[in-house]
């Protein structure tokens, strides 16, 4: 049981390190922010459209 949680922790650490490397590189950080912004904008537009059409 101990080894499974250890491996899981190691995997998460690797994932975090990769994510950190992407975010710390300038274009990576820009893409990351743009992706999140786009997600929120699309989410907002879809929410408004659904409300207006009266589905929800």
N, C-alpha and C. Protein backbone atom coordinates (compact mmCIF):
# COMPACT_ATOMS: atom_id res chain seq x y z
N UNK A 1 0.84 -1.20 0.00
CA UNK A 1 0.00 0.00 0.00
C UNK A 1 0.88 1.26 0.00
N UNK A 2 1.94 1.19 0.78
CA UNK A 2 2.85 2.33 0.90
C UNK A 2 3.49 2.68 -0.45
N UNK A 3 3.87 1.64 -1.21
CA UNK A 3 4.55 1.88 -2.49
C UNK A 3 3.62 2.52 -3.50
N UNK A 4 2.33 2.18 -3.46
CA UNK A 4 1.37 2.74 -4.41
C UNK A 4 1.24 4.25 -4.18
N UNK A 5 1.08 4.65 -2.92
CA UNK A 5 0.95 6.07 -2.62
C UNK A 5 2.25 6.81 -2.94
N UNK A 6 3.38 6.13 -2.74
CA UNK A 6 4.68 6.74 -3.07
C UNK A 6 4.77 6.99 -4.57
N UNK A 7 4.38 5.98 -5.37
CA UNK A 7 4.42 6.12 -6.83
C UNK A 7 3.47 7.22 -7.29
N UNK A 8 2.30 7.27 -6.68
CA UNK A 8 1.32 8.31 -7.02
C UNK A 8 1.91 9.70 -6.75
N UNK A 9 2.55 9.83 -5.59
CA UNK A 9 3.17 11.11 -5.24
C UNK A 9 4.27 11.49 -6.22
N UNK A 10 5.07 10.51 -6.63
CA UNK A 10 6.15 10.75 -7.59
C UNK A 10 5.57 11.20 -8.93
N UNK A 11 4.48 10.55 -9.34
CA UNK A 11 3.83 10.90 -10.60
C UNK A 11 3.29 12.33 -10.55
N UNK A 12 2.64 12.68 -9.45
CA UNK A 12 2.11 14.04 -9.28
C UNK A 12 3.24 15.06 -9.30
N UNK A 13 4.37 14.70 -8.68
CA UNK A 13 5.51 15.61 -8.63
C UNK A 13 6.05 15.85 -10.04
N UNK A 14 6.14 14.78 -10.84
CA UNK A 14 6.62 14.91 -12.22
C UNK A 14 5.67 15.78 -13.03
N UNK A 15 4.38 15.55 -12.85
CA UNK A 15 3.37 16.32 -13.58
C UNK A 15 3.49 17.80 -13.20
N UNK A 16 3.66 18.05 -11.90
CA UNK A 16 3.79 19.42 -11.42
C UNK A 16 5.03 20.09 -12.00
N UNK A 17 6.14 19.32 -12.06
CA UNK A 17 7.39 19.87 -12.59
C UNK A 17 7.25 20.22 -14.07
N UNK A 18 6.56 19.37 -14.82
CA UNK A 18 6.33 19.63 -16.25
C UNK A 18 5.46 20.87 -16.42
N UNK A 19 4.39 20.95 -15.62
CA UNK A 19 3.48 22.09 -15.67
C UNK A 19 4.24 23.38 -15.33
N UNK A 20 5.10 23.31 -14.31
CA UNK A 20 5.87 24.47 -13.90
C UNK A 20 6.79 24.92 -15.02
N UNK A 21 7.42 23.96 -15.71
CA UNK A 21 8.33 24.28 -16.81
C UNK A 21 7.57 24.97 -17.94
N UNK A 22 6.35 24.49 -18.23
CA UNK A 22 5.54 25.09 -19.29
C UNK A 22 5.15 26.52 -18.91
N UNK A 23 4.70 26.69 -17.66
CA UNK A 23 4.24 28.01 -17.21
C UNK A 23 5.40 29.00 -17.12
N UNK A 24 6.58 28.52 -16.70
CA UNK A 24 7.72 29.42 -16.54
C UNK A 24 8.30 29.88 -17.87
N UNK A 25 8.13 29.09 -18.93
CA UNK A 25 8.57 29.55 -20.24
C UNK A 25 7.53 30.56 -20.74
N UNK A 26 7.99 31.68 -21.25
CA UNK A 26 7.10 32.80 -21.57
C UNK A 26 5.92 32.43 -22.49
N UNK A 27 6.16 31.83 -23.66
CA UNK A 27 5.03 31.49 -24.53
C UNK A 27 4.08 30.49 -23.88
N UNK A 28 4.64 29.60 -23.08
CA UNK A 28 3.81 28.62 -22.38
C UNK A 28 2.85 29.29 -21.42
N UNK A 29 3.37 30.27 -20.67
CA UNK A 29 2.54 31.00 -19.71
C UNK A 29 1.43 31.75 -20.45
N UNK A 30 1.78 32.38 -21.56
CA UNK A 30 0.78 33.12 -22.34
C UNK A 30 -0.32 32.19 -22.84
N UNK A 31 0.08 31.04 -23.39
CA UNK A 31 -0.90 30.08 -23.89
C UNK A 31 -1.79 29.57 -22.77
N UNK A 32 -1.18 29.32 -21.62
CA UNK A 32 -1.91 28.82 -20.46
C UNK A 32 -2.98 29.82 -20.04
N UNK A 33 -2.60 31.10 -19.95
CA UNK A 33 -3.54 32.15 -19.56
C UNK A 33 -4.61 32.33 -20.63
N UNK A 34 -4.20 32.33 -21.89
CA UNK A 34 -5.15 32.49 -22.99
C UNK A 34 -6.17 31.35 -23.01
N UNK A 35 -5.70 30.14 -22.74
CA UNK A 35 -6.57 28.96 -22.72
C UNK A 35 -7.61 29.09 -21.62
N UNK A 36 -7.19 29.51 -20.43
CA UNK A 36 -8.12 29.67 -19.32
C UNK A 36 -9.12 30.79 -19.62
N UNK A 37 -8.62 31.91 -20.16
CA UNK A 37 -9.50 33.04 -20.49
C UNK A 37 -10.53 32.62 -21.53
N UNK A 38 -10.09 31.91 -22.56
CA UNK A 38 -10.99 31.44 -23.60
C UNK A 38 -12.06 30.53 -23.02
N UNK A 39 -11.64 29.65 -22.11
CA UNK A 39 -12.58 28.73 -21.47
C UNK A 39 -13.67 29.51 -20.74
N UNK A 40 -13.27 30.53 -19.96
CA UNK A 40 -14.24 31.30 -19.20
C UNK A 40 -15.16 32.10 -20.12
N UNK A 41 -14.61 32.67 -21.18
CA UNK A 41 -15.42 33.45 -22.13
C UNK A 41 -16.46 32.56 -22.79
N UNK A 42 -16.02 31.39 -23.29
CA UNK A 42 -16.95 30.46 -23.93
C UNK A 42 -18.01 30.00 -22.95
N UNK A 43 -17.60 29.72 -21.72
CA UNK A 43 -18.52 29.29 -20.69
C UNK A 43 -19.59 30.36 -20.45
N UNK A 44 -19.16 31.62 -20.38
CA UNK A 44 -20.08 32.73 -20.16
C UNK A 44 -21.05 32.89 -21.32
N UNK A 45 -20.55 32.82 -22.55
CA UNK A 45 -21.40 32.95 -23.73
C UNK A 45 -22.43 31.84 -23.78
N UNK A 46 -21.98 30.60 -23.55
CA UNK A 46 -22.90 29.47 -23.55
C UNK A 46 -23.96 29.63 -22.47
N UNK A 47 -23.54 30.10 -21.29
CA UNK A 47 -24.48 30.31 -20.19
C UNK A 47 -25.56 31.31 -20.57
N UNK A 48 -25.17 32.41 -21.19
CA UNK A 48 -26.12 33.45 -21.60
C UNK A 48 -27.06 32.92 -22.68
N UNK A 49 -26.51 32.21 -23.67
CA UNK A 49 -27.33 31.66 -24.74
C UNK A 49 -28.37 30.68 -24.21
N UNK A 50 -27.94 29.82 -23.28
CA UNK A 50 -28.87 28.84 -22.71
C UNK A 50 -29.96 29.55 -21.91
N UNK A 51 -29.59 30.58 -21.15
CA UNK A 51 -30.58 31.33 -20.38
C UNK A 51 -31.58 32.02 -21.31
N UNK A 52 -31.09 32.64 -22.37
CA UNK A 52 -31.95 33.38 -23.30
C UNK A 52 -32.91 32.46 -24.04
N UNK A 53 -32.42 31.27 -24.41
CA UNK A 53 -33.28 30.35 -25.15
C UNK A 53 -34.27 29.64 -24.23
N UNK A 54 -34.08 29.78 -22.93
CA UNK A 54 -35.03 29.23 -21.97
C UNK A 54 -34.94 27.73 -21.78
N UNK A 55 -33.77 27.14 -22.11
CA UNK A 55 -33.60 25.70 -21.89
C UNK A 55 -33.47 25.42 -20.40
N UNK A 56 -32.64 26.24 -19.72
CA UNK A 56 -32.39 26.03 -18.29
C UNK A 56 -33.58 26.52 -17.47
